[in-house]
Protein backbone atom coordinates (compact mmCIF):
# COMPACT_ATOMS: atom_id res chain seq x y z
CA MET A 1 233.02 82.97 -45.83
CA ASN A 2 235.19 85.92 -46.77
CA GLU A 3 236.37 88.52 -44.27
CA TYR A 4 233.87 91.16 -45.39
CA GLY A 5 230.86 88.96 -44.73
CA LYS A 6 227.93 87.49 -46.58
CA ILE A 7 225.02 89.51 -47.98
CA LEU A 8 221.76 88.10 -49.31
CA VAL A 9 219.92 90.40 -51.73
CA THR A 10 216.21 90.02 -52.51
CA GLY A 11 214.98 91.38 -55.83
CA ALA A 12 218.49 90.98 -57.25
CA LYS A 13 217.23 91.04 -60.85
CA GLY A 14 215.51 94.41 -60.42
CA MET A 15 216.82 97.84 -61.46
CA LEU A 16 218.54 98.49 -58.11
CA GLY A 17 219.67 94.92 -57.55
CA ARG A 18 221.45 94.70 -60.89
CA ASP A 19 223.71 97.62 -59.91
CA LEU A 20 223.95 96.78 -56.22
CA CYS A 21 225.05 93.13 -56.43
CA PRO A 22 228.21 93.64 -58.52
CA MET A 23 229.12 96.70 -56.45
CA LEU A 24 228.83 94.63 -53.26
CA GLU A 25 231.10 91.99 -54.80
CA ASP A 26 233.61 94.66 -55.83
CA SER A 27 233.58 95.84 -52.20
CA GLY A 28 234.61 92.36 -51.04
CA PHE A 29 231.32 90.85 -49.90
CA GLU A 30 230.09 87.37 -50.70
CA VAL A 31 226.72 87.97 -52.40
CA ILE A 32 223.76 85.60 -52.58
CA GLU A 33 221.40 86.84 -55.28
CA THR A 34 217.75 85.94 -54.91
CA ASP A 35 214.67 86.78 -56.93
CA ILE A 36 211.18 85.41 -57.36
CA ASN A 37 212.58 82.31 -59.12
CA ASN A 38 214.48 81.15 -56.02
CA LEU A 39 212.95 83.14 -53.15
CA ASP A 40 209.28 84.06 -52.95
CA ILE A 41 209.21 86.61 -50.12
CA THR A 42 205.46 86.04 -49.64
CA ASP A 43 206.16 82.43 -48.63
CA GLU A 44 207.03 82.70 -44.93
CA MET A 45 208.35 79.13 -44.64
CA GLN A 46 210.57 79.46 -47.70
CA VAL A 47 211.98 82.80 -46.53
CA MET A 48 212.85 81.34 -43.13
CA ARG A 49 214.36 78.23 -44.71
CA VAL A 50 216.57 80.11 -47.19
CA ILE A 51 217.84 82.72 -44.72
CA SER A 52 218.38 80.11 -42.00
CA SER A 53 220.34 77.99 -44.48
CA GLU A 54 222.51 80.83 -45.83
CA LYS A 55 222.90 82.67 -42.50
CA PRO A 56 223.90 85.98 -44.13
CA ASP A 57 225.41 88.80 -42.10
CA TYR A 58 223.13 91.22 -43.97
CA VAL A 59 219.93 90.95 -45.99
CA ILE A 60 219.33 93.82 -48.40
CA HIS A 61 215.64 93.72 -49.18
CA CYS A 62 215.12 95.24 -52.64
CA ALA A 63 212.18 93.06 -53.73
CA ALA A 64 209.00 95.13 -53.85
CA TYR A 65 205.75 95.91 -55.61
CA THR A 66 206.62 99.25 -57.21
CA ASN A 67 203.75 100.09 -59.59
CA VAL A 68 202.40 103.13 -57.76
CA ASP A 69 199.24 103.55 -59.85
CA LYS A 70 198.38 99.87 -60.12
CA ALA A 71 198.58 99.57 -56.33
CA GLU A 72 195.42 101.70 -56.14
CA ASP A 73 193.44 98.90 -57.82
CA ASP A 74 195.45 95.99 -56.47
CA LEU A 75 196.07 96.80 -52.82
CA LYS A 76 195.90 93.11 -51.91
CA THR A 77 198.94 92.19 -54.02
CA ALA A 78 200.87 95.34 -53.09
CA ALA A 79 200.30 94.65 -49.39
CA LEU A 80 201.17 90.95 -49.75
CA ILE A 81 204.56 91.83 -51.26
CA ASN A 82 205.48 95.11 -49.53
CA ALA A 83 203.99 94.51 -46.09
CA THR A 84 203.66 90.74 -45.53
CA GLY A 85 206.73 89.91 -47.64
CA THR A 86 208.83 92.41 -45.73
CA GLU A 87 207.55 91.09 -42.41
CA ASN A 88 208.59 87.57 -43.48
CA VAL A 89 212.10 88.73 -44.34
CA THR A 90 212.32 90.75 -41.13
CA LYS A 91 211.38 87.84 -38.87
CA ALA A 92 213.92 85.60 -40.62
CA CYS A 93 216.61 88.26 -40.14
CA GLN A 94 215.81 88.54 -36.44
CA GLU A 95 215.82 84.76 -36.03
CA ASN A 96 219.25 84.46 -37.69
CA ASP A 97 220.87 87.62 -36.30
CA SER A 98 221.15 89.12 -39.79
CA VAL A 99 221.13 92.89 -40.25
CA MET A 100 218.08 93.97 -42.27
CA VAL A 101 218.50 96.67 -44.93
CA TYR A 102 215.14 97.81 -46.30
CA ILE A 103 214.63 100.01 -49.35
CA SER A 104 211.73 102.34 -48.57
CA THR A 105 210.35 105.45 -50.26
CA ASP A 106 209.64 109.16 -50.02
CA TYR A 107 206.00 108.25 -50.67
CA VAL A 108 205.59 107.42 -46.97
CA PHE A 109 205.16 111.21 -46.61
CA ASP A 110 202.11 113.27 -47.58
CA GLY A 111 204.01 116.20 -49.11
CA ALA A 112 202.42 118.82 -46.85
CA LYS A 113 205.76 120.03 -45.54
CA ASN A 114 207.70 122.90 -47.13
CA THR A 115 211.15 121.98 -45.84
CA PRO A 116 213.06 118.73 -46.45
CA TYR A 117 211.80 115.71 -44.55
CA ILE A 118 214.13 114.25 -41.94
CA PRO A 119 214.02 110.61 -40.78
CA LYS A 120 212.20 111.54 -37.55
CA ASP A 121 209.30 113.20 -39.37
CA LYS A 122 206.01 111.37 -39.01
CA PRO A 123 204.98 109.43 -42.13
CA ASN A 124 201.49 109.94 -43.56
CA PRO A 125 201.19 108.26 -46.98
CA ILE A 126 198.49 109.43 -49.41
CA ASN A 127 198.53 106.43 -51.74
CA ASN A 128 198.36 102.64 -51.36
CA TYR A 129 201.94 102.10 -52.49
CA GLY A 130 203.26 104.46 -49.79
CA GLN A 131 200.98 102.84 -47.22
CA THR A 132 202.27 99.32 -47.95
CA LYS A 133 205.90 100.46 -47.88
CA LEU A 134 205.25 102.13 -44.52
CA GLN A 135 203.73 98.87 -43.25
CA GLY A 136 207.02 97.25 -44.24
CA GLU A 137 208.89 99.83 -42.15
CA GLN A 138 206.56 99.22 -39.22
CA ALA A 139 207.15 95.46 -39.41
CA ILE A 140 210.90 96.07 -39.14
CA LEU A 141 210.49 98.41 -36.16
CA LYS A 142 208.30 95.80 -34.47
CA HIS A 143 210.28 92.62 -35.14
CA CYS A 144 213.91 93.52 -35.84
CA GLU A 145 216.70 94.90 -33.63
CA LYS A 146 219.41 95.40 -36.27
CA PHE A 147 218.23 97.33 -39.31
CA TYR A 148 218.78 100.13 -41.78
CA ILE A 149 215.63 101.57 -43.31
CA THR A 150 216.82 103.55 -46.34
CA ARG A 151 214.18 105.78 -47.89
CA THR A 152 214.93 106.75 -51.46
CA SER A 153 213.09 108.59 -54.23
CA TRP A 154 212.65 109.10 -57.97
CA LEU A 155 214.96 106.17 -58.70
CA TYR A 156 216.54 105.61 -62.12
CA GLY A 157 219.17 103.20 -63.40
CA HIS A 158 220.57 101.61 -66.53
CA HIS A 159 218.77 98.31 -65.97
CA GLY A 160 215.12 99.25 -65.81
CA LYS A 161 212.29 101.41 -67.05
CA ASN A 162 212.67 104.90 -65.57
CA PHE A 163 211.95 108.59 -66.03
CA VAL A 164 215.28 109.43 -67.69
CA GLU A 165 214.85 106.84 -70.44
CA THR A 166 211.19 107.80 -70.90
CA MET A 167 212.14 111.45 -71.43
CA ILE A 168 214.86 110.53 -73.94
CA SER A 169 212.37 108.38 -75.86
CA LEU A 170 210.00 111.38 -76.11
CA ALA A 171 212.65 113.86 -77.27
CA ASP A 172 211.51 113.82 -80.92
CA LYS A 173 207.87 114.60 -80.11
CA PRO A 174 206.40 117.99 -81.16
CA GLU A 175 206.06 118.86 -77.48
CA VAL A 176 206.72 117.19 -74.15
CA ASN A 177 204.57 118.15 -71.16
CA VAL A 178 206.02 117.40 -67.72
CA VAL A 179 204.63 118.06 -64.25
CA ASP A 180 206.25 121.06 -62.56
CA ASP A 181 204.42 121.13 -59.20
CA GLN A 182 205.80 117.95 -57.65
CA ILE A 183 209.19 118.47 -56.00
CA GLY A 184 211.55 115.67 -55.04
CA CYS A 185 215.04 114.19 -55.23
CA PRO A 186 216.14 112.18 -58.30
CA THR A 187 218.37 109.25 -57.28
CA TRP A 188 220.67 107.06 -59.40
CA THR A 189 220.73 103.38 -58.44
CA VAL A 190 224.56 103.46 -58.37
CA ASP A 191 224.59 106.31 -55.84
CA LEU A 192 221.98 104.54 -53.70
CA SER A 193 224.10 101.37 -53.83
CA ASP A 194 227.15 103.36 -52.73
CA ALA A 195 225.18 104.79 -49.80
CA ILE A 196 224.01 101.34 -48.69
CA ILE A 197 227.57 99.99 -48.85
CA SER A 198 228.77 103.01 -46.84
CA LEU A 199 226.20 102.40 -44.11
CA ILE A 200 227.41 98.79 -43.82
CA ASP A 201 231.15 99.52 -44.15
CA ASP A 202 231.05 102.38 -41.64
CA LYS A 203 228.98 100.31 -39.21
CA SER A 204 226.60 103.27 -39.00
CA PRO A 205 224.11 103.31 -36.12
CA TYR A 206 220.99 101.26 -36.87
CA GLY A 207 217.93 103.28 -37.78
CA ILE A 208 216.19 105.21 -40.56
CA TYR A 209 218.18 107.03 -43.25
CA HIS A 210 217.24 109.17 -46.22
CA ALA A 211 219.28 107.88 -49.16
CA CYS A 212 218.28 110.11 -52.06
CA GLY A 213 220.05 112.47 -54.42
CA GLY A 214 221.16 115.76 -52.88
CA GLY A 215 219.26 118.93 -53.73
CA LYS A 216 215.76 119.05 -55.21
CA THR A 217 213.86 119.65 -58.43
CA SER A 218 210.50 119.13 -60.10
CA TRP A 219 209.84 116.47 -62.73
CA TYR A 220 209.95 119.33 -65.26
CA GLY A 221 213.30 120.51 -63.87
CA PHE A 222 214.57 116.93 -64.00
CA ALA A 223 213.53 116.61 -67.66
CA LYS A 224 215.07 119.98 -68.51
CA GLU A 225 218.42 118.91 -67.04
CA ILE A 226 218.31 115.63 -68.98
CA PHE A 227 217.76 117.42 -72.30
CA ASN A 228 220.36 120.11 -71.50
CA LEU A 229 223.03 117.55 -70.66
CA MET A 230 222.28 115.63 -73.84
CA ASN A 231 222.18 118.80 -75.99
CA LEU A 232 218.70 117.92 -77.18
CA ASP A 233 216.45 120.69 -78.48
CA VAL A 234 213.06 119.69 -77.10
CA ASN A 235 209.83 121.67 -76.86
CA LEU A 236 209.49 121.01 -73.12
CA LEU A 237 206.44 122.52 -71.43
CA PRO A 238 205.60 122.61 -67.72
CA CYS A 239 202.18 121.41 -66.60
CA THR A 240 200.38 120.82 -63.31
CA THR A 241 199.48 117.61 -61.53
CA ASP A 242 195.84 118.37 -62.33
CA ASP A 243 196.73 118.50 -66.04
CA PHE A 244 198.20 115.02 -65.80
CA PRO A 245 195.78 112.97 -63.65
CA ARG A 246 197.02 109.61 -62.34
CA GLN A 247 195.28 106.89 -60.35
CA ALA A 248 197.48 107.39 -57.30
CA LYS A 249 197.95 110.73 -55.57
CA ARG A 250 201.55 111.94 -55.41
CA PRO A 251 202.98 114.12 -52.64
CA ARG A 252 203.55 117.65 -53.95
CA TYR A 253 206.75 118.00 -51.91
CA SER A 254 208.71 114.88 -51.01
CA VAL A 255 212.19 116.38 -50.68
CA MET A 256 214.25 114.49 -48.09
CA ASP A 257 217.32 115.67 -46.20
CA ASN A 258 219.98 113.04 -46.96
CA ALA A 259 222.51 114.43 -44.44
CA GLY A 260 225.23 114.36 -47.11
CA LEU A 261 224.87 110.61 -47.73
CA LEU A 262 224.58 111.08 -51.52
CA ARG A 263 225.99 113.72 -53.88
CA ASP A 264 223.95 116.34 -55.73
CA TRP A 265 221.44 114.78 -58.12
CA LYS A 266 222.76 116.80 -61.11
CA LEU A 267 226.26 115.34 -60.75
CA ALA A 268 224.85 111.83 -60.62
CA LEU A 269 222.64 112.42 -63.67
CA LYS A 270 225.59 113.75 -65.67
CA GLU A 271 227.61 110.60 -64.97
CA TYR A 272 224.60 108.34 -65.69
CA LEU A 273 224.15 109.94 -69.11
CA GLU A 274 227.88 109.74 -69.89
CA LEU A 275 227.84 106.00 -69.17
CA ARG A 276 224.57 105.38 -71.01
CA VAL A 277 224.64 103.06 -74.03
CA ASP A 278 221.98 103.66 -76.68
């Protein structure tokens, strides 16, 4: 094993994992990439067997059920992956003295606050996805001594379907309507990966962290910045959540205080777009 240690990543083929794994390797870690094809997190025996065999210093748990709207109709599957799956990984980490790093979400909050959420604020999810991710957090608090719960939000990256690419694909439409009454923190997968690596490298105290882009905006403001940075002339129109009904409720205000862990979301978006390949 190298001097930096060994890290096992679940969900390594996902949007976050595909940026995180090479960045971990560049930082000097030995990385074991796992995904559904070689680690089914819902299989408790398999999870224990794999983690006990590899004995990683850290497990970064990216695997998740992330379809927010579909979770309203398929709570059973969402809970199996996000709650039970996370509990399986957590118990295996505790058994093998591995540090657990869990990717959670701003959707554990109800959005009733008017100032940025801090890690100590009480969660109160208003949709099934947020509820199952909170159950994952609770499993960690119950079963694991060494952990980083990293709540992130409005995630986008070059290796997956996301809001930035959706907006760009709509740029030639006669008009684009985007919700302007939900406020949050856009986060680039690369910046989130940097934050995770920093927590590990700095041997930060175990606990809950908010790892989201700095500052805040609405989905409309996010779209406006995308089109401005790309010099695209788009007929962008603000609308309300009620104008754009979805199966799952979204918190109106899910801004989180990241305590300076990530840079301003606009700086990250600018770099993302500069590196983007059509």
